[in-house]
Amino acid sequence: LLAGSLGSCNVLDEEKEDCAVYVRFKYDMNMKFADAFQHAVNSVTLYAFDKDGVLAFQKTEEGDLLKQDGYRMRLDGISHSDKAEYDFITWAGEPDNESFIIPLLTIGKSTKDDLYCQLKRAKGGIVNDDLEALFHGQVNNLSFGRAAVSKMDEVVVPLVKNTNNIRIVLQHLSGKPVDVKNFNFTITDENGLMKYDNSLMEDEILTYQAWRTDDGKASLGEQVENVEGITEINVAIAELTVARLMTTERPILTITNAEGKKVLSIPLVDYALLVKGYYNREMSDQEYLDRQDEYALTFFLDEADCFQHHHQLMESGTSGYRP
């Protein structure tokens, strides 16, 4: 029966959807473990490379089409009768992504090594924008000629989000106001050039700067009576967006005051992993960093605007800050 089906597929390849290869994209590499592709991704480009690593097919789809229930991308140039082997690679996110550069490739000439993704930056490696979302996916060694033929056949490409929002909150132990204009927030990392497999390539050190700063307040209000202690908290808030966080790299979060003096300087990945908590038993550190895309970090200042913390850098045998 399988041989007969394959024979029919060869004959009707261009006329029947039965033989077409469909690709479904899935984004469940998040902290809810739920597929959020329809809500998070607005554009997707798929590249198919043959066994020699040469580009054989590429296609981009975007907009409302991706929001349709049951959305799948049909690969018109590849069918289930195709006996070749392919590696599928995907970059996804926003149409005409303004934050990243992906080179144009040529079918039959470009190779995997020609496919990379570079974060846009100003002179000196300065990045001070709220980065548009970027996703990557890859599935290797696909051979359709040996697959069962069915209308429901599809390739599933899982996606990993490469962009992260870092929200920093500064507050005084005394509760007095903190003027955000008196502080400068930066994150340095070497993560702005990604290879076709989403690994990092050698690049200049980037300096991410806050794209938003603000003052905030939380208060019980004037009508609260018989309440002891601090009833109002004033904070400084800064938001930065960075590219993929990797356990193999060492991004540094630094806060300086108006005079340029360091208020704090900490290894961001080590600090972020402090709140991994229960998930420590469920996933690796890198998986946690790939699933989590928002980090809220709160730091307390003393009267001299110095950082007060309850962590210490341990001796050898640890990876950084630990309780």
Protein backbone atom coordinates (compact mmCIF):
# COMPACT_ATOMS: atom_id res chain seq x y z
CA LEU A 1 0.00 0.00 0.00
CA LEU A 2 2.82 2.41 0.86
CA ALA A 3 4.56 1.69 -2.45
CA GLY A 4 1.31 2.33 -4.31
CA SER A 5 0.78 5.58 -2.46
CA LEU A 6 4.28 6.76 -3.25
CA GLY A 7 3.74 5.89 -6.89
CA SER A 8 0.55 7.92 -7.00
CA CYS A 9 2.30 10.80 -5.30
CA ASN A 10 5.00 10.87 -7.95
CA VAL A 11 2.41 11.13 -10.72
CA LEU A 12 0.17 13.71 -9.07
CA ASP A 13 2.88 15.67 -7.31
CA GLU A 14 2.07 19.04 -8.87
CA GLU A 15 -1.70 18.61 -8.81
CA LYS A 16 -2.61 17.18 -5.40
CA GLU A 17 -2.08 18.67 -1.97
CA ASP A 18 -1.63 15.09 -0.70
CA CYS A 19 2.00 15.20 -1.82
CA ALA A 20 2.83 18.73 -0.67
CA VAL A 21 5.09 19.26 2.30
CA TYR A 22 3.61 21.49 5.00
CA VAL A 23 5.48 23.17 7.83
CA ARG A 24 3.94 24.15 11.14
CA PHE A 25 5.79 26.51 13.44
CA LYS A 26 5.52 26.13 17.20
CA TYR A 27 6.63 28.49 19.95
CA ASP A 28 6.18 26.70 23.25
CA MET A 29 9.73 27.31 24.48
CA ASN A 30 8.34 29.67 27.12
CA MET A 31 7.55 29.56 30.82
CA LYS A 32 3.92 28.58 30.22
CA PHE A 33 4.91 25.59 28.04
CA ALA A 34 2.08 26.63 25.69
CA ASP A 35 2.22 27.33 21.95
CA ALA A 36 2.17 31.13 21.55
CA PHE A 37 3.16 31.27 17.89
CA GLN A 38 -0.04 33.01 16.72
CA HIS A 39 0.29 35.73 19.34
CA ALA A 40 4.06 36.27 19.27
CA VAL A 41 5.18 35.88 15.64
CA ASN A 42 4.15 38.17 12.78
CA SER A 43 6.60 37.08 10.08
CA VAL A 44 8.44 33.84 9.34
CA THR A 45 11.07 32.91 6.74
CA LEU A 46 11.96 29.29 6.08
CA TYR A 47 15.20 28.19 4.41
CA ALA A 48 15.75 24.62 3.14
CA PHE A 49 19.34 23.48 2.58
CA ASP A 50 20.27 20.27 0.78
CA LYS A 51 22.74 17.66 2.09
CA ASP A 52 25.62 19.71 0.69
CA GLY A 53 24.49 22.76 2.64
CA VAL A 54 23.32 24.67 -0.45
CA LEU A 55 20.08 26.66 -0.37
CA ALA A 56 17.36 24.76 -2.25
CA PHE A 57 14.22 26.65 -1.19
CA GLN A 58 13.10 29.67 0.79
CA LYS A 59 9.77 31.27 1.55
CA THR A 60 8.43 34.11 3.69
CA GLU A 61 4.89 34.52 5.01
CA GLU A 62 3.59 37.20 7.35
CA GLY A 63 0.64 39.17 8.67
CA ASP A 64 -2.91 37.90 9.12
CA LEU A 65 -2.11 34.61 7.39
CA LEU A 66 -0.06 33.54 10.41
CA LYS A 67 -2.98 34.28 12.75
CA GLN A 68 -5.34 31.83 11.06
CA ASP A 69 -6.25 28.70 13.00
CA GLY A 70 -4.30 25.73 11.74
CA TYR A 71 -1.82 27.88 9.82
CA ARG A 72 0.83 25.88 7.97
CA MET A 73 3.32 26.95 5.32
CA ARG A 74 3.10 24.99 2.07
CA LEU A 75 6.45 24.32 0.43
CA ASP A 76 5.62 24.46 -3.27
CA GLY A 77 9.13 23.48 -4.33
CA ILE A 78 9.40 20.33 -2.17
CA SER A 79 7.08 17.31 -2.16
CA HIS A 80 6.79 13.98 -0.41
CA SER A 81 8.12 12.29 -3.53
CA ASP A 82 11.37 14.22 -3.13
CA LYS A 83 14.13 11.82 -2.14
CA ALA A 84 16.61 14.52 -1.17
CA GLU A 85 17.49 15.34 2.43
CA TYR A 86 17.06 18.82 3.83
CA ASP A 87 17.86 20.94 6.84
CA PHE A 88 15.15 23.51 7.63
CA ILE A 89 16.22 26.78 9.29
CA THR A 90 13.87 29.58 10.31
CA TRP A 91 14.25 33.20 11.36
CA ALA A 92 11.00 34.77 12.52
CA GLY A 93 9.60 37.79 14.34
CA GLU A 94 8.41 41.00 12.72
CA PRO A 95 8.06 41.99 9.03
CA ASP A 96 11.06 44.05 7.90
CA ASN A 97 12.63 43.66 11.33
CA GLU A 98 14.31 46.97 12.16
CA SER A 99 16.54 45.51 14.87
CA PHE A 100 18.34 42.71 13.00
CA ILE A 101 20.03 42.19 9.65
CA ILE A 102 19.68 38.88 7.78
CA PRO A 103 21.44 38.72 4.38
CA LEU A 104 19.61 37.94 1.14
CA LEU A 105 20.39 34.44 -0.14
CA THR A 106 20.40 32.96 -3.64
CA ILE A 107 18.87 29.55 -4.33
CA GLY A 108 21.44 27.14 -5.75
CA LYS A 109 24.41 29.30 -4.68
CA SER A 110 24.15 30.41 -1.05
CA THR A 111 25.19 28.01 1.71
CA LYS A 112 24.37 27.72 5.39
CA ASP A 113 27.44 29.75 6.28
CA ASP A 114 25.94 32.67 4.33
CA LEU A 115 22.94 32.67 6.67
CA TYR A 116 23.47 34.64 9.85
CA CYS A 117 21.65 37.25 11.88
CA GLN A 118 23.31 40.45 13.08
CA LEU A 119 21.96 42.85 15.66
CA LYS A 120 22.00 46.45 14.44
CA ARG A 121 24.15 48.73 16.57
CA ALA A 122 25.49 52.28 16.56
CA LYS A 123 29.17 53.15 16.39
CA GLY A 124 31.10 51.61 19.26
CA GLY A 125 28.61 48.78 19.69
CA ILE A 126 25.90 50.91 21.32
CA VAL A 127 22.37 49.47 21.36
CA ASN A 128 19.70 51.69 22.92
CA ASP A 129 16.46 50.54 21.27
CA ASP A 130 13.63 48.29 22.35
CA LEU A 131 14.55 45.38 20.09
CA GLU A 132 11.88 43.84 17.90
CA ALA A 133 11.25 40.18 18.73
CA LEU A 134 13.47 37.59 17.03
CA PHE A 135 12.93 33.82 16.89
CA HIS A 136 15.04 30.96 15.54
CA GLY A 137 14.15 27.38 14.61
CA GLN A 138 15.94 24.42 13.05
CA VAL A 139 15.13 20.83 12.05
CA ASN A 140 17.82 18.68 10.42
CA ASN A 141 18.05 15.60 8.18
CA LEU A 142 14.53 15.62 6.73
CA SER A 143 13.94 12.98 4.05
CA PHE A 144 10.43 13.05 2.58
CA GLY A 145 10.84 10.28 0.04
CA ARG A 146 10.76 7.77 2.87
CA ALA A 147 7.87 9.40 4.73
CA ALA A 148 4.30 8.12 4.78
CA VAL A 149 2.09 10.15 2.48
CA SER A 150 -0.95 11.79 4.03
CA LYS A 151 -2.78 15.09 3.95
CA MET A 152 -1.90 15.47 7.63
CA ASP A 153 1.83 15.03 7.11
CA GLU A 154 3.70 18.09 8.29
CA VAL A 155 7.07 19.16 9.60
CA VAL A 156 7.04 20.92 12.97
CA VAL A 157 9.71 23.57 13.50
CA PRO A 158 10.04 24.60 17.18
CA LEU A 159 11.11 28.19 17.80
CA VAL A 160 13.34 29.79 20.43
CA LYS A 161 12.99 33.47 21.29
CA ASN A 162 16.26 35.39 21.12
CA THR A 163 15.24 38.71 22.64
CA ASN A 164 14.81 39.50 26.34
CA ASN A 165 13.39 42.42 28.29
CA ILE A 166 15.34 43.39 31.42
CA ARG A 167 13.43 45.62 33.87
CA ILE A 168 15.45 47.16 36.69
CA VAL A 169 13.91 48.73 39.79
CA LEU A 170 15.97 50.86 42.20
CA GLN A 171 14.59 51.85 45.59
CA HIS A 172 15.92 53.27 48.83
CA LEU A 173 15.85 51.20 51.99
CA SER A 174 14.44 54.30 53.70
CA GLY A 175 11.66 54.67 51.13
CA LYS A 176 12.80 58.14 50.06
CA PRO A 177 12.46 59.04 46.36
CA VAL A 178 15.04 57.85 43.83
CA ASP A 179 15.66 60.17 40.88
CA VAL A 180 16.19 57.99 37.81
CA LYS A 181 18.07 60.86 36.14
CA ASN A 182 20.90 60.31 38.61
CA PHE A 183 21.68 56.83 37.30
CA ASN A 184 22.91 55.20 34.12
CA PHE A 185 22.04 51.57 33.27
CA THR A 186 24.03 49.37 30.86
CA ILE A 187 24.49 45.69 30.00
CA THR A 188 27.61 44.59 28.12
CA ASP A 189 27.63 41.33 26.18
CA GLU A 190 29.11 39.74 23.06
CA ASN A 191 25.87 38.29 21.66
CA GLY A 192 25.03 40.37 18.59
CA LEU A 193 26.01 37.97 15.79
CA MET A 194 24.18 34.63 15.50
CA LYS A 195 25.12 31.75 13.20
CA TYR A 196 22.56 29.75 11.17
CA ASP A 197 22.28 27.28 14.06
CA ASN A 198 21.67 30.10 16.58
CA SER A 199 25.10 29.74 18.16
CA LEU A 200 27.08 32.94 18.72
CA MET A 201 29.82 34.06 16.37
CA GLU A 202 32.76 36.26 17.28
CA ASP A 203 31.62 39.87 17.49
CA GLU A 204 32.44 43.17 19.13
CA ILE A 205 31.32 43.77 22.70
CA LEU A 206 27.92 45.45 22.70
CA THR A 207 26.77 48.00 25.26
CA TYR A 208 23.00 47.89 25.75
CA GLN A 209 21.55 51.08 27.17
CA ALA A 210 18.14 51.72 28.71
CA TRP A 211 15.52 52.62 26.09
CA ARG A 212 13.09 53.68 28.81
CA THR A 213 13.59 55.23 32.24
CA ASP A 214 10.92 56.44 34.61
CA ASP A 215 10.07 57.19 38.21
CA GLY A 216 7.40 55.18 39.99
CA LYS A 217 5.49 55.20 43.25
CA ALA A 218 3.44 52.74 45.25
CA SER A 219 1.48 54.15 48.20
CA LEU A 220 -1.24 53.16 50.66
CA GLY A 221 -2.65 56.68 50.33
CA GLU A 222 -3.39 59.46 52.80
CA GLN A 223 -6.55 57.92 54.23
CA VAL A 224 -4.78 54.94 55.76
CA GLU A 225 -4.61 55.31 59.54
CA ASN A 226 -2.76 53.47 62.28
CA VAL A 227 -0.25 51.95 59.87
CA GLU A 228 3.33 51.77 61.14
CA GLY A 229 6.43 51.76 58.97
CA ILE A 230 6.86 52.84 55.39
CA THR A 231 3.57 53.39 53.56
CA GLU A 232 4.97 54.79 50.33
CA ILE A 233 7.77 53.51 48.08
CA ASN A 234 9.39 55.62 45.37
CA VAL A 235 11.48 53.86 42.77
CA ALA A 236 13.52 54.42 39.63
CA ILE A 237 12.73 52.12 36.71
CA ALA A 238 14.86 51.29 33.67
CA GLU A 239 14.13 48.91 30.80
CA LEU A 240 16.66 47.38 28.42
CA THR A 241 16.22 44.77 25.69
CA VAL A 242 19.07 42.39 24.91
CA ALA A 243 19.69 39.57 22.45
CA ARG A 244 19.94 35.90 23.43
CA LEU A 245 21.36 35.19 26.88
CA MET A 246 23.78 32.26 26.95
CA THR A 247 25.38 30.40 29.84
CA THR A 248 28.62 30.36 27.82
CA GLU A 249 28.78 34.16 27.87
CA ARG A 250 29.18 36.61 30.74
CA PRO A 251 26.98 39.68 30.29
CA ILE A 252 27.55 42.34 32.94
CA LEU A 253 24.83 44.62 34.31
CA THR A 254 26.27 47.93 35.53
CA ILE A 255 24.60 50.88 37.20
CA THR A 256 26.54 54.12 37.67
CA ASN A 257 25.56 57.39 39.34
CA ALA A 258 25.63 60.88 37.89
CA GLU A 259 29.34 61.22 38.73
CA GLY A 260 30.17 58.03 36.84
CA LYS A 261 30.83 56.01 39.99
CA LYS A 262 29.69 52.37 39.90
CA VAL A 263 26.69 51.71 42.10
CA LEU A 264 26.73 48.00 41.20
CA SER A 265 28.22 45.64 38.62
CA ILE A 266 27.02 42.03 38.53
CA PRO A 267 27.05 39.03 36.13
CA LEU A 268 23.54 39.15 34.67
CA VAL A 269 23.14 35.46 33.78
CA ASP A 270 24.27 34.27 37.22
CA TYR A 271 21.92 36.73 38.89
CA ALA A 272 18.99 35.78 36.66
CA LEU A 273 19.50 32.10 37.48
CA LEU A 274 19.12 32.88 41.20
CA VAL A 275 15.36 32.94 40.71
CA LYS A 276 15.25 29.75 38.68
CA GLY A 277 13.99 28.07 41.84
CA TYR A 278 11.76 25.06 41.29
CA TYR A 279 12.72 24.86 37.64
CA ASN A 280 16.25 23.94 38.68
CA ARG A 281 15.06 20.33 38.80
CA GLU A 282 13.10 20.50 35.58
CA MET A 283 15.47 22.04 33.03
CA SER A 284 19.03 23.05 32.31
CA ASP A 285 20.23 26.60 32.91
CA GLN A 286 20.27 27.30 29.17
CA GLU A 287 16.74 26.02 28.72
CA TYR A 288 15.58 28.31 31.50
CA LEU A 289 17.25 31.30 29.82
CA ASP A 290 15.64 30.35 26.50
CA ARG A 291 12.17 29.97 28.03
CA GLN A 292 12.27 33.13 30.11
CA ASP A 293 12.14 36.37 28.12
CA GLU A 294 11.36 38.91 30.86
CA TYR A 295 13.45 39.58 33.95
CA ALA A 296 12.52 42.00 36.75
CA LEU A 297 15.45 42.82 39.04
CA THR A 298 15.07 44.94 42.18
CA PHE A 299 18.02 46.54 43.96
CA PHE A 300 18.10 48.50 47.22
CA LEU A 301 20.18 51.60 47.86
CA ASP A 302 21.46 52.95 51.18
CA GLU A 303 21.60 56.63 52.14
CA ALA A 304 24.80 57.08 50.10
CA ASP A 305 23.10 55.64 46.97
CA CYS A 306 25.20 52.50 47.24
CA PHE A 307 23.92 49.04 46.37
CA GLN A 308 22.86 46.88 49.33
CA HIS A 309 22.70 43.16 48.64
CA HIS A 310 22.53 39.86 50.46
CA HIS A 311 24.61 37.77 48.09
CA GLN A 312 28.31 37.05 48.09
CA LEU A 313 30.67 35.80 45.42
CA MET A 314 31.53 32.26 46.44
CA GLU A 315 34.89 30.55 46.07
CA SER A 316 35.78 28.16 43.21
CA GLY A 317 33.21 25.47 42.43
CA THR A 318 30.38 27.93 41.79
CA SER A 319 29.40 29.90 38.71
CA GLY A 320 28.97 33.28 40.41
CA TYR A 321 26.54 34.90 42.82
CA ARG A 322 24.74 32.49 45.09
CA PRO A 323 22.60 33.05 48.18
